[in-house]
Amino acid sequence: MENIIKKYSNGEVTVVWKPDLCQHATFCWKGLPGVFNPKVRPWIDPYGASTEQIVGQVEKCPSGALSYFYNKGEENGIET
């Protein structure tokens, strides 16, 4: 079985989502609804808050389904 990995970048930081790990604790979308909105697709909008706010919220993910890395010269992009 192939694990799904989605990446969403704002140019400064890339949010990595591994849906197979998600426990649906709702910390992400309740804490930063401008970025994480499960009612729309793609459900992560990396332009919905500052990089610092995004990183802070991702670090609260209890399951590890969300992670991030800082970009170094990569293009902006959203995987759907």
Protein backbone atom coordinates (compact mmCIF):
# COMPACT_ATOMS: atom_id res chain seq x y z
CA MET A 1 0.00 0.00 0.00
CA GLU A 2 1.38 3.38 -1.00
CA ASN A 3 1.37 6.13 1.60
CA ILE A 4 -0.06 9.44 0.41
CA ILE A 5 2.01 12.54 1.06
CA LYS A 6 0.81 16.02 0.06
CA LYS A 7 2.89 19.20 0.12
CA TYR A 8 1.70 22.81 0.22
CA SER A 9 4.22 25.65 -0.07
CA ASN A 10 4.06 29.42 0.32
CA GLY A 11 7.64 29.89 -0.86
CA GLU A 12 9.09 30.19 2.64
CA VAL A 13 7.81 26.99 4.20
CA THR A 14 6.28 23.75 2.93
CA VAL A 15 3.59 22.00 4.94
CA VAL A 16 3.67 18.23 4.54
CA TRP A 17 0.48 16.27 5.17
CA LYS A 18 0.36 12.49 5.61
CA PRO A 19 -3.36 11.68 5.74
CA ASP A 20 -2.77 8.08 6.80
CA LEU A 21 -1.38 9.36 10.12
CA CYS A 22 -4.15 11.87 10.83
CA GLN A 23 -6.12 11.23 14.02
CA HIS A 24 -8.59 14.06 13.33
CA ALA A 25 -7.80 15.83 16.60
CA THR A 26 -8.94 19.10 14.92
CA PHE A 27 -6.07 21.13 16.41
CA CYS A 28 -5.02 22.38 12.98
CA TRP A 29 -8.28 23.80 11.65
CA LYS A 30 -9.59 24.99 14.99
CA GLY A 31 -6.29 26.72 15.73
CA LEU A 32 -5.63 28.26 12.31
CA PRO A 33 -8.77 28.11 10.13
CA GLY A 34 -7.32 30.53 7.57
CA VAL A 35 -4.83 27.85 6.59
CA PHE A 36 -6.52 24.56 7.46
CA ASN A 37 -10.10 24.17 6.23
CA PRO A 38 -11.40 20.61 5.77
CA LYS A 39 -14.48 21.89 3.92
CA VAL A 40 -12.52 23.08 0.86
CA ARG A 41 -10.00 21.51 -1.53
CA PRO A 42 -7.15 21.79 -1.26
CA TRP A 43 -7.77 21.91 2.46
CA ILE A 44 -4.43 23.57 3.27
CA ASP A 45 -3.88 27.15 2.10
CA PRO A 46 -0.23 28.01 2.82
CA TYR A 47 -0.97 31.68 2.12
CA GLY A 48 -3.67 31.93 4.80
CA ALA A 49 -1.34 33.05 7.61
CA SER A 50 2.25 34.01 8.27
CA THR A 51 4.96 31.41 8.07
CA GLU A 52 5.52 31.71 11.82
CA GLN A 53 1.84 31.07 12.55
CA ILE A 54 1.78 28.05 10.23
CA VAL A 55 4.90 26.54 11.79
CA GLY A 56 3.52 27.10 15.29
CA GLN A 57 0.25 25.38 14.44
CA VAL A 58 1.86 22.45 12.62
CA GLU A 59 4.05 21.82 15.66
CA LYS A 60 0.86 21.26 17.69
CA CYS A 61 -0.24 18.30 15.54
CA PRO A 62 -0.41 15.35 17.97
CA SER A 63 -0.31 12.60 15.35
CA GLY A 64 2.60 13.77 13.22
CA ALA A 65 0.35 13.88 10.17
CA LEU A 66 1.43 17.49 9.64
CA SER A 67 5.06 18.51 9.41
CA TYR A 68 6.98 21.26 7.67
CA PHE A 69 10.31 22.27 6.26
CA TYR A 70 11.76 25.63 5.33
CA ASN A 71 12.32 26.09 1.60
CA LYS A 72 15.64 27.03 0.10
CA GLY A 73 15.03 28.40 -3.38
CA GLU A 74 12.12 26.08 -4.20
CA GLU A 75 9.16 27.30 -6.22
CA ASN A 76 5.79 28.03 -4.68
CA GLY A 77 3.28 25.28 -5.20
CA ILE A 78 0.29 23.38 -3.97
CA GLU A 79 -0.30 19.72 -4.63
CA THR A 80 -3.93 18.74 -4.95
